[in-house]
C-alpha atoms as a PDB file:
ATOM      1  CA  UNK A   1       2.606 -15.924  -1.530  1.00  0.00           C
ATOM      2  CA  UNK A   2       2.908 -13.538   1.432  1.00  0.00           C
ATOM      3  CA  UNK A   3       1.783 -14.351   4.957  1.00  0.00           C
ATOM      4  CA  UNK A   4       2.177 -12.922   8.448  1.00  0.00           C
ATOM      5  CA  UNK A   5       2.606 -15.627  11.068  1.00  0.00           C
ATOM      6  CA  UNK A   6       2.039 -14.283  14.604  1.00  0.00           C
ATOM      7  CA  UNK A   7       4.015 -11.160  13.696  1.00  0.00           C
ATOM      8  CA  UNK A   8       5.066  -8.872  16.532  1.00  0.00           C
ATOM      9  CA  UNK A   9       7.200  -5.728  16.208  1.00  0.00           C
ATOM     10  CA  UNK A  10       8.808  -3.416  18.754  1.00  0.00           C
ATOM     11  CA  UNK A  11      10.557  -0.051  18.864  1.00  0.00           C
ATOM     12  CA  UNK A  12      12.966   0.599  21.740  1.00  0.00           C
ATOM     13  CA  UNK A  13      11.456  -2.236  23.721  1.00  0.00           C
ATOM     14  CA  UNK A  14       7.860  -1.061  23.238  1.00  0.00           C
ATOM     15  CA  UNK A  15       5.615  -3.540  21.436  1.00  0.00           C
ATOM     16  CA  UNK A  16       3.840  -1.890  18.493  1.00  0.00           C
ATOM     17  CA  UNK A  17       2.324  -4.966  16.822  1.00  0.00           C
ATOM     18  CA  UNK A  18       0.997  -7.978  18.708  1.00  0.00           C
ATOM     19  CA  UNK A  19       0.737 -11.449  17.107  1.00  0.00           C
ATOM     20  CA  UNK A  20      -0.680 -10.487  13.698  1.00  0.00           C
ATOM     21  CA  UNK A  21      -1.582 -13.353  11.346  1.00  0.00           C
ATOM     22  CA  UNK A  22      -2.779 -12.533   7.805  1.00  0.00           C
ATOM     23  CA  UNK A  23      -2.581 -13.967   4.299  1.00  0.00           C
ATOM     24  CA  UNK A  24      -2.393 -12.003   1.052  1.00  0.00           C
ATOM     25  CA  UNK A  25      -3.470 -13.587  -2.226  1.00  0.00           C
ATOM     26  CA  UNK A  26      -2.577 -12.895  -5.841  1.00  0.00           C
ATOM     27  CA  UNK A  27      -4.904 -10.432  -7.542  1.00  0.00           C
ATOM     28  CA  UNK A  28      -6.234  -9.239  -4.187  1.00  0.00           C
ATOM     29  CA  UNK A  29      -6.309  -5.796  -2.600  1.00  0.00           C
ATOM     30  CA  UNK A  30      -6.054  -5.917   1.181  1.00  0.00           C
ATOM     31  CA  UNK A  31      -6.546  -2.541   2.869  1.00  0.00           C
ATOM     32  CA  UNK A  32      -5.017  -2.020   6.306  1.00  0.00           C
ATOM     33  CA  UNK A  33      -7.165   0.390   8.307  1.00  0.00           C
ATOM     34  CA  UNK A  34      -7.152   1.669  11.859  1.00  0.00           C
ATOM     35  CA  UNK A  35      -6.593   4.829  13.918  1.00  0.00           C
ATOM     36  CA  UNK A  36      -3.299   6.713  13.969  1.00  0.00           C
ATOM     37  CA  UNK A  37      -0.698   4.756  15.882  1.00  0.00           C
ATOM     38  CA  UNK A  38      -2.401   1.409  15.419  1.00  0.00           C
ATOM     39  CA  UNK A  39       0.631  -0.113  13.654  1.00  0.00           C
ATOM     40  CA  UNK A  40      -0.163   0.127   9.919  1.00  0.00           C
ATOM     41  CA  UNK A  41       3.218   1.511   8.825  1.00  0.00           C
ATOM     42  CA  UNK A  42       5.095  -0.761  11.209  1.00  0.00           C
ATOM     43  CA  UNK A  43       3.403  -3.775   9.639  1.00  0.00           C
ATOM     44  CA  UNK A  44       4.455  -2.695   6.148  1.00  0.00           C
ATOM     45  CA  UNK A  45       8.040  -2.065   7.240  1.00  0.00           C
ATOM     46  CA  UNK A  46       8.206  -5.625   8.535  1.00  0.00           C
ATOM     47  CA  UNK A  47       6.572  -7.018   5.394  1.00  0.00           C
ATOM     48  CA  UNK A  48       9.295  -5.625   3.117  1.00  0.00           C
ATOM     49  CA  UNK A  49      12.168  -6.660   5.447  1.00  0.00           C
ATOM     50  CA  UNK A  50      13.022  -3.112   6.509  1.00  0.00           C
ATOM     51  CA  UNK A  51      12.077  -3.831  10.128  1.00  0.00           C
ATOM     52  CA  UNK A  52      13.087  -7.010  11.934  1.00  0.00           C
ATOM     53  CA  UNK A  53      10.174  -8.559  13.859  1.00  0.00           C
ATOM     54  CA  UNK A  54      10.473  -9.060  17.593  1.00  0.00           C
ATOM     55  CA  UNK A  55       8.359 -12.193  17.266  1.00  0.00           C
ATOM     56  CA  UNK A  56       6.710 -14.330  14.626  1.00  0.00           C
ATOM     57  CA  UNK A  57       7.555 -14.316  10.924  1.00  0.00           C
ATOM     58  CA  UNK A  58       6.815 -12.807   7.558  1.00  0.00           C
ATOM     59  CA  UNK A  59       6.641 -15.694   5.082  1.00  0.00           C
ATOM     60  CA  UNK A  60       7.344 -15.271   1.381  1.00  0.00           C
ATOM     61  CA  UNK A  61       6.592 -18.378  -0.678  1.00  0.00           C
ATOM     62  CA  UNK A  62       6.589 -20.338   2.561  1.00  0.00           C
ATOM     63  CA  UNK A  63      10.028 -19.125   3.706  1.00  0.00           C
ATOM     64  CA  UNK A  64      10.908 -16.600   6.382  1.00  0.00           C
ATOM     65  CA  UNK A  65      11.612 -13.338   4.575  1.00  0.00           C
ATOM     66  CA  UNK A  66      14.731 -12.864   6.714  1.00  0.00           C
ATOM     67  CA  UNK A  67      16.286 -15.868   4.956  1.00  0.00           C
ATOM     68  CA  UNK A  68      16.293 -14.036   1.615  1.00  0.00           C
ATOM     69  CA  UNK A  69      18.931 -11.548   0.557  1.00  0.00           C
ATOM     70  CA  UNK A  70      17.547  -8.007   0.625  1.00  0.00           C
ATOM     71  CA  UNK A  71      18.043  -7.690  -3.130  1.00  0.00           C
ATOM     72  CA  UNK A  72      15.977 -10.829  -3.746  1.00  0.00           C
ATOM     73  CA  UNK A  73      13.186  -9.464  -1.569  1.00  0.00           C
ATOM     74  CA  UNK A  74      13.238  -6.223  -3.593  1.00  0.00           C
ATOM     75  CA  UNK A  75      12.775  -8.242  -6.778  1.00  0.00           C
ATOM     76  CA  UNK A  76       9.540  -9.669  -5.392  1.00  0.00           C
ATOM     77  CA  UNK A  77       8.156  -6.921  -3.114  1.00  0.00           C
ATOM     78  CA  UNK A  78       7.905  -3.193  -3.848  1.00  0.00           C
ATOM     79  CA  UNK A  79       7.182  -0.699  -1.085  1.00  0.00           C
ATOM     80  CA  UNK A  80       5.910   2.843  -1.590  1.00  0.00           C
ATOM     81  CA  UNK A  81       6.291   4.577   1.761  1.00  0.00           C
ATOM     82  CA  UNK A  82       4.684   7.802   2.954  1.00  0.00           C
ATOM     83  CA  UNK A  83       6.157  11.214   2.066  1.00  0.00           C
ATOM     84  CA  UNK A  84       7.858  10.100  -1.129  1.00  0.00           C
ATOM     85  CA  UNK A  85       7.911  13.452  -2.928  1.00  0.00           C
ATOM     86  CA  UNK A  86      11.317  13.843  -4.566  1.00  0.00           C
ATOM     87  CA  UNK A  87      13.120  17.141  -5.090  1.00  0.00           C
ATOM     88  CA  UNK A  88      15.945  15.659  -7.157  1.00  0.00           C
ATOM     89  CA  UNK A  89      16.415  17.117 -10.666  1.00  0.00           C
ATOM     90  CA  UNK A  90      15.790  13.773 -12.400  1.00  0.00           C
ATOM     91  CA  UNK A  91      13.323  13.073 -15.181  1.00  0.00           C
ATOM     92  CA  UNK A  92      10.368  10.767 -14.707  1.00  0.00           C
ATOM     93  CA  UNK A  93      12.102   8.219 -16.934  1.00  0.00           C
ATOM     94  CA  UNK A  94      15.252   8.326 -14.797  1.00  0.00           C
ATOM     95  CA  UNK A  95      13.327   7.999 -11.539  1.00  0.00           C
ATOM     96  CA  UNK A  96      11.291   5.052 -12.782  1.00  0.00           C
ATOM     97  CA  UNK A  97      14.487   3.472 -14.090  1.00  0.00           C
ATOM     98  CA  UNK A  98      15.805   3.385 -10.525  1.00  0.00           C
ATOM     99  CA  UNK A  99      13.238   0.681  -9.878  1.00  0.00           C
ATOM    100  CA  UNK A 100      15.372  -1.714 -11.918  1.00  0.00           C
ATOM    101  CA  UNK A 101      18.212  -1.637  -9.384  1.00  0.00           C
ATOM    102  CA  UNK A 102      17.262  -4.979  -7.739  1.00  0.00           C
ATOM    103  CA  UNK A 103      17.626  -6.669 -11.137  1.00  0.00           C
ATOM    104  CA  UNK A 104      20.689  -4.908 -12.558  1.00  0.00           C
ATOM    105  CA  UNK A 105      22.595  -3.090  -9.805  1.00  0.00           C
ATOM    106  CA  UNK A 106      23.739   0.528 -10.037  1.00  0.00           C
ATOM    107  CA  UNK A 107      26.611   0.057 -12.496  1.00  0.00           C
ATOM    108  CA  UNK A 108      25.405  -2.409 -15.138  1.00  0.00           C
ATOM    109  CA  UNK A 109      23.941  -1.088 -18.372  1.00  0.00           C
ATOM    110  CA  UNK A 110      20.207  -1.286 -18.965  1.00  0.00           C
ATOM    111  CA  UNK A 111      19.111  -4.373 -20.878  1.00  0.00           C
ATOM    112  CA  UNK A 112      16.199  -4.638 -23.295  1.00  0.00           C
ATOM    113  CA  UNK A 113      14.214  -6.211 -20.453  1.00  0.00           C
ATOM    114  CA  UNK A 114      15.001  -3.213 -18.224  1.00  0.00           C
ATOM    115  CA  UNK A 115      13.830  -0.762 -20.888  1.00  0.00           C
ATOM    116  CA  UNK A 116      10.628  -2.740 -21.458  1.00  0.00           C
ATOM    117  CA  UNK A 117       9.853  -2.805 -17.734  1.00  0.00           C
ATOM    118  CA  UNK A 118      10.463   0.939 -17.340  1.00  0.00           C
ATOM    119  CA  UNK A 119       8.393   1.873 -20.392  1.00  0.00           C
ATOM    120  CA  UNK A 120       5.562  -0.429 -19.312  1.00  0.00           C
ATOM    121  CA  UNK A 121       5.522   1.098 -15.822  1.00  0.00           C
ATOM    122  CA  UNK A 122       5.404   4.646 -17.203  1.00  0.00           C
ATOM    123  CA  UNK A 123       2.592   3.778 -19.622  1.00  0.00           C
ATOM    124  CA  UNK A 124       0.538   1.924 -17.016  1.00  0.00           C
ATOM    125  CA  UNK A 125       0.585   4.952 -14.713  1.00  0.00           C
ATOM    126  CA  UNK A 126      -0.452   7.349 -17.491  1.00  0.00           C
ATOM    127  CA  UNK A 127       2.827   9.292 -17.462  1.00  0.00           C
ATOM    128  CA  UNK A 128       4.158   8.626 -20.948  1.00  0.00           C
ATOM    129  CA  UNK A 129       3.745  12.231 -22.094  1.00  0.00           C
ATOM    130  CA  UNK A 130       5.592  13.377 -18.958  1.00  0.00           C
ATOM    131  CA  UNK A 131       8.494  10.886 -19.178  1.00  0.00           C
ATOM    132  CA  UNK A 132      11.066  13.595 -19.984  1.00  0.00           C
ATOM    133  CA  UNK A 133       9.848  16.107 -17.407  1.00  0.00           C
ATOM    134  CA  UNK A 134      11.734  16.700 -14.169  1.00  0.00           C
ATOM    135  CA  UNK A 135       9.890  14.999 -11.338  1.00  0.00           C
ATOM    136  CA  UNK A 136      10.056  18.103  -9.138  1.00  0.00           C
ATOM    137  CA  UNK A 137       7.971  19.983 -11.729  1.00  0.00           C
ATOM    138  CA  UNK A 138       5.035  17.556 -11.541  1.00  0.00           C
ATOM    139  CA  UNK A 139       1.845  18.015  -9.563  1.00  0.00           C
ATOM    140  CA  UNK A 140       1.386  16.007  -6.374  1.00  0.00           C
ATOM    141  CA  UNK A 141      -0.757  13.374  -8.075  1.00  0.00           C
ATOM    142  CA  UNK A 142       1.581  13.037 -11.047  1.00  0.00           C
ATOM    143  CA  UNK A 143       4.626  12.723  -8.794  1.00  0.00           C
ATOM    144  CA  UNK A 144       2.889  10.044  -6.731  1.00  0.00           C
ATOM    145  CA  UNK A 145       2.132   8.082  -9.891  1.00  0.00           C
ATOM    146  CA  UNK A 146       5.813   8.350 -10.840  1.00  0.00           C
ATOM    147  CA  UNK A 147       6.808   6.867  -7.484  1.00  0.00           C
ATOM    148  CA  UNK A 148       4.340   4.032  -8.009  1.00  0.00           C
ATOM    149  CA  UNK A 149       5.753   3.563 -11.512  1.00  0.00           C
ATOM    150  CA  UNK A 150       9.227   3.213 -10.009  1.00  0.00           C
ATOM    151  CA  UNK A 151       7.872   0.472  -7.748  1.00  0.00           C
ATOM    152  CA  UNK A 152       6.203  -1.264 -10.710  1.00  0.00           C
ATOM    153  CA  UNK A 153       9.472  -1.163 -12.671  1.00  0.00           C
ATOM    154  CA  UNK A 154      10.780  -3.629 -10.090  1.00  0.00           C
ATOM    155  CA  UNK A 155       8.257  -6.076 -11.645  1.00  0.00           C
ATOM    156  CA  UNK A 156       7.217  -7.245  -8.166  1.00  0.00           C
ATOM    157  CA  UNK A 157       4.696  -9.898  -7.206  1.00  0.00           C
ATOM    158  CA  UNK A 158       3.604  -7.880  -4.158  1.00  0.00           C
ATOM    159  CA  UNK A 159       3.049  -4.109  -3.978  1.00  0.00           C
ATOM    160  CA  UNK A 160       2.907  -2.383  -0.578  1.00  0.00           C
ATOM    161  CA  UNK A 161       1.399   1.110  -0.558  1.00  0.00           C
ATOM    162  CA  UNK A 162       1.509   3.125   2.658  1.00  0.00           C
ATOM    163  CA  UNK A 163      -1.099   5.913   2.464  1.00  0.00           C
ATOM    164  CA  UNK A 164      -0.517   6.518  -1.262  1.00  0.00           C
ATOM    165  CA  UNK A 165      -3.352   9.045  -1.625  1.00  0.00           C
ATOM    166  CA  UNK A 166      -2.772  11.114   1.506  1.00  0.00           C
ATOM    167  CA  UNK A 167      -2.810  14.887   0.809  1.00  0.00           C
ATOM    168  CA  UNK A 168      -4.088  14.398  -2.757  1.00  0.00           C
ATOM    169  CA  UNK A 169      -7.281  15.903  -4.139  1.00  0.00           C
ATOM    170  CA  UNK A 170     -10.267  13.820  -5.188  1.00  0.00           C
ATOM    171  CA  UNK A 171      -9.225  13.523  -8.839  1.00  0.00           C
ATOM    172  CA  UNK A 172      -5.832  12.040  -8.085  1.00  0.00           C
ATOM    173  CA  UNK A 173      -7.092   9.820  -5.286  1.00  0.00           C
ATOM    174  CA  UNK A 174      -9.497   8.165  -7.693  1.00  0.00           C
ATOM    175  CA  UNK A 175      -6.909   7.988 -10.497  1.00  0.00           C
ATOM    176  CA  UNK A 176      -4.353   6.260  -8.288  1.00  0.00           C
ATOM    177  CA  UNK A 177      -6.823   3.840  -6.715  1.00  0.00           C
ATOM    178  CA  UNK A 178      -8.270   2.987 -10.135  1.00  0.00           C
ATOM    179  CA  UNK A 179      -4.706   2.194 -11.179  1.00  0.00           C
ATOM    180  CA  UNK A 180      -4.272  -0.002  -8.096  1.00  0.00           C
ATOM    181  CA  UNK A 181      -7.506  -1.848  -8.929  1.00  0.00           C
ATOM    182  CA  UNK A 182      -6.276  -2.479 -12.485  1.00  0.00           C
ATOM    183  CA  UNK A 183      -2.939  -3.787 -11.194  1.00  0.00           C
ATOM    184  CA  UNK A 184      -4.716  -6.233  -8.922  1.00  0.00           C
ATOM    185  CA  UNK A 185      -6.816  -7.474 -11.837  1.00  0.00           C
ATOM    186  CA  UNK A 186      -3.541  -8.240 -13.621  1.00  0.00           C
ATOM    187  CA  UNK A 187      -2.574 -10.582 -10.757  1.00  0.00           C
ATOM    188  CA  UNK A 188      -0.527  -8.344  -8.458  1.00  0.00           C
ATOM    189  CA  UNK A 189      -0.961  -8.790  -4.700  1.00  0.00           C
ATOM    190  CA  UNK A 190      -1.561  -5.360  -3.194  1.00  0.00           C
ATOM    191  CA  UNK A 191      -1.483  -4.292   0.439  1.00  0.00           C
ATOM    192  CA  UNK A 192      -2.532  -0.686   0.992  1.00  0.00           C
ATOM    193  CA  UNK A 193      -2.952   1.339   4.162  1.00  0.00           C
ATOM    194  CA  UNK A 194      -5.719   3.927   4.078  1.00  0.00           C
ATOM    195  CA  UNK A 195      -7.210   6.420   6.490  1.00  0.00           C
ATOM    196  CA  UNK A 196     -10.239   6.998   4.270  1.00  0.00           C
ATOM    197  CA  UNK A 197     -12.655   4.214   5.223  1.00  0.00           C
ATOM    198  CA  UNK A 198     -14.972   4.927   2.301  1.00  0.00           C
ATOM    199  CA  UNK A 199     -12.163   4.498  -0.238  1.00  0.00           C
ATOM    200  CA  UNK A 200     -11.066   1.339   1.560  1.00  0.00           C
ATOM    201  CA  UNK A 201     -14.616   0.023   1.334  1.00  0.00           C
ATOM    202  CA  UNK A 202     -14.857   0.880  -2.359  1.00  0.00           C
ATOM    203  CA  UNK A 203     -11.578  -0.577  -3.592  1.00  0.00           C
ATOM    204  CA  UNK A 204     -10.464  -3.368  -1.254  1.00  0.00           C
ATOM    205  CA  UNK A 205     -11.368  -7.022  -1.507  1.00  0.00           C
ATOM    206  CA  UNK A 206     -10.517  -7.520   2.153  1.00  0.00           C
ATOM    207  CA  UNK A 207      -9.956  -5.212   5.119  1.00  0.00           C
ATOM    208  CA  UNK A 208      -7.690  -5.714   8.123  1.00  0.00           C
ATOM    209  CA  UNK A 209      -8.754  -3.471  11.011  1.00  0.00           C
ATOM    210  CA  UNK A 210      -5.998  -2.734  13.528  1.00  0.00           C
ATOM    211  CA  UNK A 211      -6.528  -1.410  17.031  1.00  0.00           C
ATOM    212  CA  UNK A 212      -3.711  -0.711  19.482  1.00  0.00           C
ATOM    213  CA  UNK A 213      -1.335  -2.894  17.504  1.00  0.00           C
ATOM    214  CA  UNK A 214      -3.666  -5.877  17.388  1.00  0.00           C
ATOM    215  CA  UNK A 215      -5.742  -7.333  14.578  1.00  0.00           C
ATOM    216  CA  UNK A 216      -9.247  -6.412  15.685  1.00  0.00           C
ATOM    217  CA  UNK A 217     -11.037  -7.957  12.700  1.00  0.00           C
ATOM    218  CA  UNK A 218     -10.434  -9.036   9.116  1.00  0.00           C
ATOM    219  CA  UNK A 219     -12.795  -9.844   6.270  1.00  0.00           C
ATOM    220  CA  UNK A 220     -14.766  -8.328   3.411  1.00  0.00           C
ATOM    221  CA  UNK A 221     -15.789  -4.645   3.713  1.00  0.00           C
ATOM    222  CA  UNK A 222     -19.413  -5.476   4.519  1.00  0.00           C
ATOM    223  CA  UNK A 223     -18.311  -7.352   7.631  1.00  0.00           C
ATOM    224  CA  UNK A 224     -15.601  -4.979   8.847  1.00  0.00           C
ATOM    225  CA  UNK A 225     -17.186  -1.593   8.185  1.00  0.00           C
ATOM    226  CA  UNK A 226     -19.951  -2.093  10.698  1.00  0.00           C
ATOM    227  CA  UNK A 227     -21.245   0.420  13.209  1.00  0.00           C
ATOM    228  CA  UNK A 228     -20.235  -1.819  16.107  1.00  0.00           C
ATOM    229  CA  UNK A 229     -16.649  -2.349  14.903  1.00  0.00           C
ATOM    230  CA  UNK A 230     -15.926   1.239  13.951  1.00  0.00           C
ATOM    231  CA  UNK A 231     -17.442   2.894  16.992  1.00  0.00           C
ATOM    232  CA  UNK A 232     -15.442   0.613  19.250  1.00  0.00           C
ATOM    233  CA  UNK A 233     -12.105   1.048  17.461  1.00  0.00           C
ATOM    234  CA  UNK A 234     -12.371   4.746  16.455  1.00  0.00           C
ATOM    235  CA  UNK A 235     -14.411   5.821  19.507  1.00  0.00           C
ATOM    236  CA  UNK A 236     -16.630   7.908  17.245  1.00  0.00           C
ATOM    237  CA  UNK A 237     -20.317   7.554  16.473  1.00  0.00           C
ATOM    238  CA  UNK A 238     -20.942   6.639  12.827  1.00  0.00           C
ATOM    239  CA  UNK A 239     -23.737   5.914  10.402  1.00  0.00           C
ATOM    240  CA  UNK A 240     -23.270   3.147   7.817  1.00  0.00           C
ATOM    241  CA  UNK A 241     -25.033   3.646   4.486  1.00  0.00           C
ATOM    242  CA  UNK A 242     -24.732   2.075   1.022  1.00  0.00           C
ATOM    243  CA  UNK A 243     -22.972   3.447  -2.033  1.00  0.00           C
ATOM    244  CA  UNK A 244     -25.630   4.421  -4.611  1.00  0.00           C
ATOM    245  CA  UNK A 245     -23.878   2.672  -7.534  1.00  0.00           C
ATOM    246  CA  UNK A 246     -22.215  -0.471  -6.176  1.00  0.00           C
ATOM    247  CA  UNK A 247     -23.896  -0.980  -2.787  1.00  0.00           C
ATOM    248  CA  UNK A 248     -20.563  -0.952  -0.922  1.00  0.00           C
ATOM    249  CA  UNK A 249     -20.634   0.263   2.712  1.00  0.00           C
ATOM    250  CA  UNK A 250     -20.032   3.963   3.281  1.00  0.00           C
ATOM    251  CA  UNK A 251     -19.133   5.512   6.630  1.00  0.00           C
ATOM    252  CA  UNK A 252     -20.313   8.906   7.914  1.00  0.00           C
ATOM    253  CA  UNK A 253     -18.977  10.132  11.278  1.00  0.00           C
ATOM    254  CA  UNK A 254     -21.509  11.927  13.454  1.00  0.00           C
ATOM    255  CA  UNK A 255     -20.583  14.938  15.549  1.00  0.00           C
ATOM    256  CA  UNK A 256     -22.703  16.798  18.045  1.00  0.00           C
ATOM    257  CA  UNK A 257     -23.193  19.495  15.369  1.00  0.00           C
ATOM    258  CA  UNK A 258     -24.650  16.940  12.966  1.00  0.00           C
ATOM    259  CA  UNK A 259     -27.405  15.769  15.278  1.00  0.00           C
ATOM    260  CA  UNK A 260     -30.877  17.215  15.125  1.00  0.00           C
END
C-alpha cells in the first residue's frame, strides 16, 4: 500500500535523505533505526505528505502521494510526531474526537460512525476510564496513548509513529509497544522510528537501518542487528546476545569501563 521509490529530501538545499526505496505491508511493523541526524523524522514527514521530496516519490496505492488531496491522505495515513504533549484544557474524548476531522471537517456534527470510531480508539488504548479527564492532567504514558488514540480515530490504513516511547518509563514503553503490536495484528501497516535497538528488535517484523541519510540495510532483526552493521553505523563496540524468552537479538554497547 505504501512505498518509497528512490526518495530524496532536502532542507535549504542540503540533502538529508538519499534515494531511499522501501515497501511497507499490511499487518507489518517496520522500525526505522539509525543514529541521530540519520533522517528518520525527515522520512516520516515525507511519507505523510508534510514534506515535499526533492527527488523520487512516496507511492500510496500505486499513486504519487502528492497527487492526493491532503485531506484524503489524512484519511489513510496517521502521523504521531515527536513532542506531542498537549497543554490544552480538553478532555481525552475531545482530543481523540479531533482525529475525525479528515472525515467530517471542523463544522459538521459527529455521525454515529464518528462516535463509534472515537469510542473504539479510546477503548483500544486502554483509556476508557479516563475519557472525561483533561489531557493535561494525565501522566506522560497516558497522554501519549491519547495522542495515539487520536491518530487511530482517523481509521487509517497506515500509522506512522516517530519516537512514540521517548522519555517514557519502562511500564509505558511496553504498554504502548504492546498496543502497536496488537494494531499490526489487526492489519494496520505501522512504521515506527526508535532509538532503542532492543525494543526495535523485540517488536518489529522488519528493520530499516539509516546512516547519513542513506538506507544502509533492511531486513529482519536477526540480519540487521549484527555486530558488523551496528559497529559500523553507530561507531560503538557492541555485543549481540539473545533474548531469554523469544530468542530475538539484543544489543549491549561496550564502553571502556565495561571491559575487564
